[in-house]
Amino acid sequence: MELALVLPVLLLLIFGLIDFGRVMQQQIQLTEAVREGARVGALNGTASDMQTQVVAAFSGDATGLTYTTATPCTPASTATTDSTLKVARTFTPITPLYSVIKLFQSNPSNITLSATGVMACLG
């Protein structure tokens, strides 16, 4: 009887911790990848080079990435100009907790992670 009362709460906590840890890990990974992409743009790389660096930072598993801004430095850029890269990625939970939460939302939507990398041009 006690197990039947405590088990749902315990599973809810465990599943919540698993997905929260995955969200934080993927957010950190996205932030680091975008920072590396902005660094490539600051070293006179192209927008394509910036995106390639982001994909390389994800070890080739860059599914669901959306590049909203990719502004590399140009040879004419000064030290006051910045290389900017903004990327968004959809997070897919692996535990059933989020599916249950979506049932009670009036406007269920996916979890979108985003990161912005800004690096000063070398001029």
C-alpha atoms as a PDB file:
ATOM      1  CA  MET A   1       0.000   0.000   0.000  1.00  0.00           C
ATOM      2  CA  GLU A   2       2.747   2.456   0.911  1.00  0.00           C
ATOM      3  CA  LEU A   3       4.680   1.595  -2.240  1.00  0.00           C
ATOM      4  CA  ALA A   4       1.618   2.289  -4.380  1.00  0.00           C
ATOM      5  CA  LEU A   5       1.378   5.773  -2.887  1.00  0.00           C
ATOM      6  CA  VAL A   6       5.076   6.657  -3.006  1.00  0.00           C
ATOM      7  CA  LEU A   7       6.128   5.051  -6.316  1.00  0.00           C
ATOM      8  CA  PRO A   8       4.381   7.547  -8.670  1.00  0.00           C
ATOM      9  CA  VAL A   9       5.948  10.497  -6.865  1.00  0.00           C
ATOM     10  CA  LEU A  10       9.345   8.816  -6.842  1.00  0.00           C
ATOM     11  CA  LEU A  11       9.141   8.037 -10.582  1.00  0.00           C
ATOM     12  CA  LEU A  12       8.051  11.600 -11.282  1.00  0.00           C
ATOM     13  CA  LEU A  13      11.135  12.909  -9.469  1.00  0.00           C
ATOM     14  CA  ILE A  14      13.485  10.468 -11.192  1.00  0.00           C
ATOM     15  CA  PHE A  15      12.129  11.195 -14.689  1.00  0.00           C
ATOM     16  CA  GLY A  16      12.226  14.926 -13.985  1.00  0.00           C
ATOM     17  CA  LEU A  17      15.866  14.733 -12.900  1.00  0.00           C
ATOM     18  CA  ILE A  18      16.829  12.718 -15.978  1.00  0.00           C
ATOM     19  CA  ASP A  19      15.237  15.143 -18.449  1.00  0.00           C
ATOM     20  CA  PHE A  20      16.413  18.229 -16.561  1.00  0.00           C
ATOM     21  CA  GLY A  21      19.970  16.900 -16.667  1.00  0.00           C
ATOM     22  CA  ARG A  22      19.667  16.239 -20.397  1.00  0.00           C
ATOM     23  CA  VAL A  23      18.308  19.756 -21.028  1.00  0.00           C
ATOM     24  CA  MET A  24      21.211  21.307 -19.133  1.00  0.00           C
ATOM     25  CA  GLN A  25      23.778  19.098 -20.929  1.00  0.00           C
ATOM     26  CA  GLN A  26      22.397  19.956 -24.359  1.00  0.00           C
ATOM     27  CA  GLN A  27      22.180  23.674 -23.513  1.00  0.00           C
ATOM     28  CA  ILE A  28      25.827  23.700 -22.435  1.00  0.00           C
ATOM     29  CA  GLN A  29      26.840  21.766 -25.544  1.00  0.00           C
ATOM     30  CA  LEU A  30      24.901  24.198 -27.757  1.00  0.00           C
ATOM     31  CA  THR A  31      26.448  27.232 -26.045  1.00  0.00           C
ATOM     32  CA  GLU A  32      29.978  25.875 -26.496  1.00  0.00           C
ATOM     33  CA  ALA A  33      29.337  24.959 -30.141  1.00  0.00           C
ATOM     34  CA  VAL A  34      27.962  28.428 -30.927  1.00  0.00           C
ATOM     35  CA  ARG A  35      30.933  30.055 -29.195  1.00  0.00           C
ATOM     36  CA  GLU A  36      33.305  28.024 -31.397  1.00  0.00           C
ATOM     37  CA  GLY A  37      31.317  28.998 -34.488  1.00  0.00           C
ATOM     38  CA  ALA A  38      31.513  32.687 -33.579  1.00  0.00           C
ATOM     39  CA  ARG A  39      35.265  32.316 -33.051  1.00  0.00           C
ATOM     40  CA  VAL A  40      35.637  30.933 -36.583  1.00  0.00           C
ATOM     41  CA  GLY A  41      33.651  33.922 -37.866  1.00  0.00           C
ATOM     42  CA  ALA A  42      35.923  36.298 -35.953  1.00  0.00           C
ATOM     43  CA  LEU A  43      38.937  34.776 -37.691  1.00  0.00           C
ATOM     44  CA  ASN A  44      37.551  35.835 -41.112  1.00  0.00           C
ATOM     45  CA  GLY A  45      35.671  32.578 -41.718  1.00  0.00           C
ATOM     46  CA  THR A  46      32.479  32.508 -43.776  1.00  0.00           C
ATOM     47  CA  ALA A  47      28.954  31.863 -42.539  1.00  0.00           C
ATOM     48  CA  SER A  48      29.271  28.354 -43.951  1.00  0.00           C
ATOM     49  CA  ASP A  49      32.512  27.827 -41.994  1.00  0.00           C
ATOM     50  CA  MET A  50      30.728  28.956 -38.838  1.00  0.00           C
ATOM     51  CA  GLN A  51      27.929  26.453 -39.357  1.00  0.00           C
ATOM     52  CA  THR A  52      30.403  23.682 -40.159  1.00  0.00           C
ATOM     53  CA  GLN A  53      32.217  24.377 -36.878  1.00  0.00           C
ATOM     54  CA  VAL A  54      28.960  24.100 -34.946  1.00  0.00           C
ATOM     55  CA  VAL A  55      28.196  20.740 -36.569  1.00  0.00           C
ATOM     56  CA  ALA A  56      31.748  19.553 -35.809  1.00  0.00           C
ATOM     57  CA  ALA A  57      31.310  20.518 -32.154  1.00  0.00           C
ATOM     58  CA  PHE A  58      28.253  18.247 -32.021  1.00  0.00           C
ATOM     59  CA  SER A  59      30.355  15.380 -33.445  1.00  0.00           C
ATOM     60  CA  GLY A  60      28.217  15.322 -36.568  1.00  0.00           C
ATOM     61  CA  ASP A  61      24.887  14.901 -34.720  1.00  0.00           C
ATOM     62  CA  ALA A  62      23.480  18.333 -35.420  1.00  0.00           C
ATOM     63  CA  THR A  63      19.880  17.329 -36.035  1.00  0.00           C
ATOM     64  CA  GLY A  64      17.308  20.007 -35.379  1.00  0.00           C
ATOM     65  CA  LEU A  65      19.684  22.974 -35.572  1.00  0.00           C
ATOM     66  CA  THR A  66      18.272  26.247 -36.899  1.00  0.00           C
ATOM     67  CA  TYR A  67      20.670  29.089 -37.681  1.00  0.00           C
ATOM     68  CA  THR A  68      18.850  32.373 -37.112  1.00  0.00           C
ATOM     69  CA  THR A  69      21.875  34.677 -37.476  1.00  0.00           C
ATOM     70  CA  ALA A  70      25.340  34.077 -38.899  1.00  0.00           C
ATOM     71  CA  THR A  71      27.376  37.270 -39.277  1.00  0.00           C
ATOM     72  CA  PRO A  72      31.089  36.643 -39.856  1.00  0.00           C
ATOM     73  CA  CYS A  73      33.814  39.267 -39.859  1.00  0.00           C
ATOM     74  CA  THR A  74      35.094  40.533 -43.175  1.00  0.00           C
ATOM     75  CA  PRO A  75      38.593  41.729 -44.069  1.00  0.00           C
ATOM     76  CA  ALA A  76      37.253  45.289 -43.769  1.00  0.00           C
ATOM     77  CA  SER A  77      35.959  44.715 -40.203  1.00  0.00           C
ATOM     78  CA  THR A  78      37.435  46.744 -37.390  1.00  0.00           C
ATOM     79  CA  ALA A  79      38.064  45.748 -33.786  1.00  0.00           C
ATOM     80  CA  THR A  80      34.692  47.241 -32.802  1.00  0.00           C
ATOM     81  CA  THR A  81      32.796  44.851 -35.110  1.00  0.00           C
ATOM     82  CA  ASP A  82      31.513  41.522 -33.795  1.00  0.00           C
ATOM     83  CA  SER A  83      31.043  38.096 -35.314  1.00  0.00           C
ATOM     84  CA  THR A  84      27.609  36.860 -34.265  1.00  0.00           C
ATOM     85  CA  LEU A  85      26.006  33.434 -34.455  1.00  0.00           C
ATOM     86  CA  LYS A  86      22.558  32.528 -33.120  1.00  0.00           C
ATOM     87  CA  VAL A  87      21.379  28.925 -33.149  1.00  0.00           C
ATOM     88  CA  ALA A  88      18.245  27.189 -31.894  1.00  0.00           C
ATOM     89  CA  ARG A  89      17.675  23.478 -31.354  1.00  0.00           C
ATOM     90  CA  THR A  90      14.590  21.473 -30.454  1.00  0.00           C
ATOM     91  CA  PHE A  91      14.959  19.307 -27.360  1.00  0.00           C
ATOM     92  CA  THR A  92      13.326  15.892 -27.386  1.00  0.00           C
ATOM     93  CA  PRO A  93      12.702  14.414 -23.928  1.00  0.00           C
ATOM     94  CA  ILE A  94      13.309  10.696 -23.475  1.00  0.00           C
ATOM     95  CA  THR A  95      11.123  10.156 -20.432  1.00  0.00           C
ATOM     96  CA  PRO A  96       7.306  10.120 -20.490  1.00  0.00           C
ATOM     97  CA  LEU A  97       7.110  12.994 -18.006  1.00  0.00           C
ATOM     98  CA  TYR A  98       6.934  15.732 -20.656  1.00  0.00           C
ATOM     99  CA  SER A  99       4.207  13.869 -22.556  1.00  0.00           C
ATOM    100  CA  VAL A 100       2.084  13.887 -19.424  1.00  0.00           C
ATOM    101  CA  ILE A 101       2.759  17.593 -18.826  1.00  0.00           C
ATOM    102  CA  LYS A 102       1.736  18.418 -22.419  1.00  0.00           C
ATOM    103  CA  LEU A 103      -1.680  16.858 -21.776  1.00  0.00           C
ATOM    104  CA  PHE A 104      -2.462  19.566 -19.224  1.00  0.00           C
ATOM    105  CA  GLN A 105      -1.152  22.561 -21.206  1.00  0.00           C
ATOM    106  CA  SER A 106      -3.521  24.775 -23.161  1.00  0.00           C
ATOM    107  CA  ASN A 107      -0.872  25.386 -25.848  1.00  0.00           C
ATOM    108  CA  PRO A 108       1.543  22.419 -25.897  1.00  0.00           C
ATOM    109  CA  SER A 109       4.801  23.134 -27.675  1.00  0.00           C
ATOM    110  CA  ASN A 110       8.235  21.640 -27.975  1.00  0.00           C
ATOM    111  CA  ILE A 111      11.164  22.731 -25.857  1.00  0.00           C
ATOM    112  CA  THR A 112      13.495  24.963 -27.862  1.00  0.00           C
ATOM    113  CA  LEU A 113      17.028  25.629 -26.689  1.00  0.00           C
ATOM    114  CA  SER A 114      18.876  28.653 -28.077  1.00  0.00           C
ATOM    115  CA  ALA A 115      22.322  30.151 -27.789  1.00  0.00           C
ATOM    116  CA  THR A 116      24.088  33.236 -29.077  1.00  0.00           C
ATOM    117  CA  GLY A 117      27.804  33.502 -29.671  1.00  0.00           C
ATOM    118  CA  VAL A 118      29.490  36.895 -30.049  1.00  0.00           C
ATOM    119  CA  MET A 119      33.198  37.282 -30.682  1.00  0.00           C
ATOM    120  CA  ALA A 120      35.082  40.502 -31.450  1.00  0.00           C
ATOM    121  CA  CYS A 121      36.687  40.769 -34.880  1.00  0.00           C
ATOM    122  CA  LEU A 122      40.465  40.927 -34.896  1.00  0.00           C
ATOM    123  CA  GLY A 123      40.452  43.838 -37.321  1.00  0.00           C
END
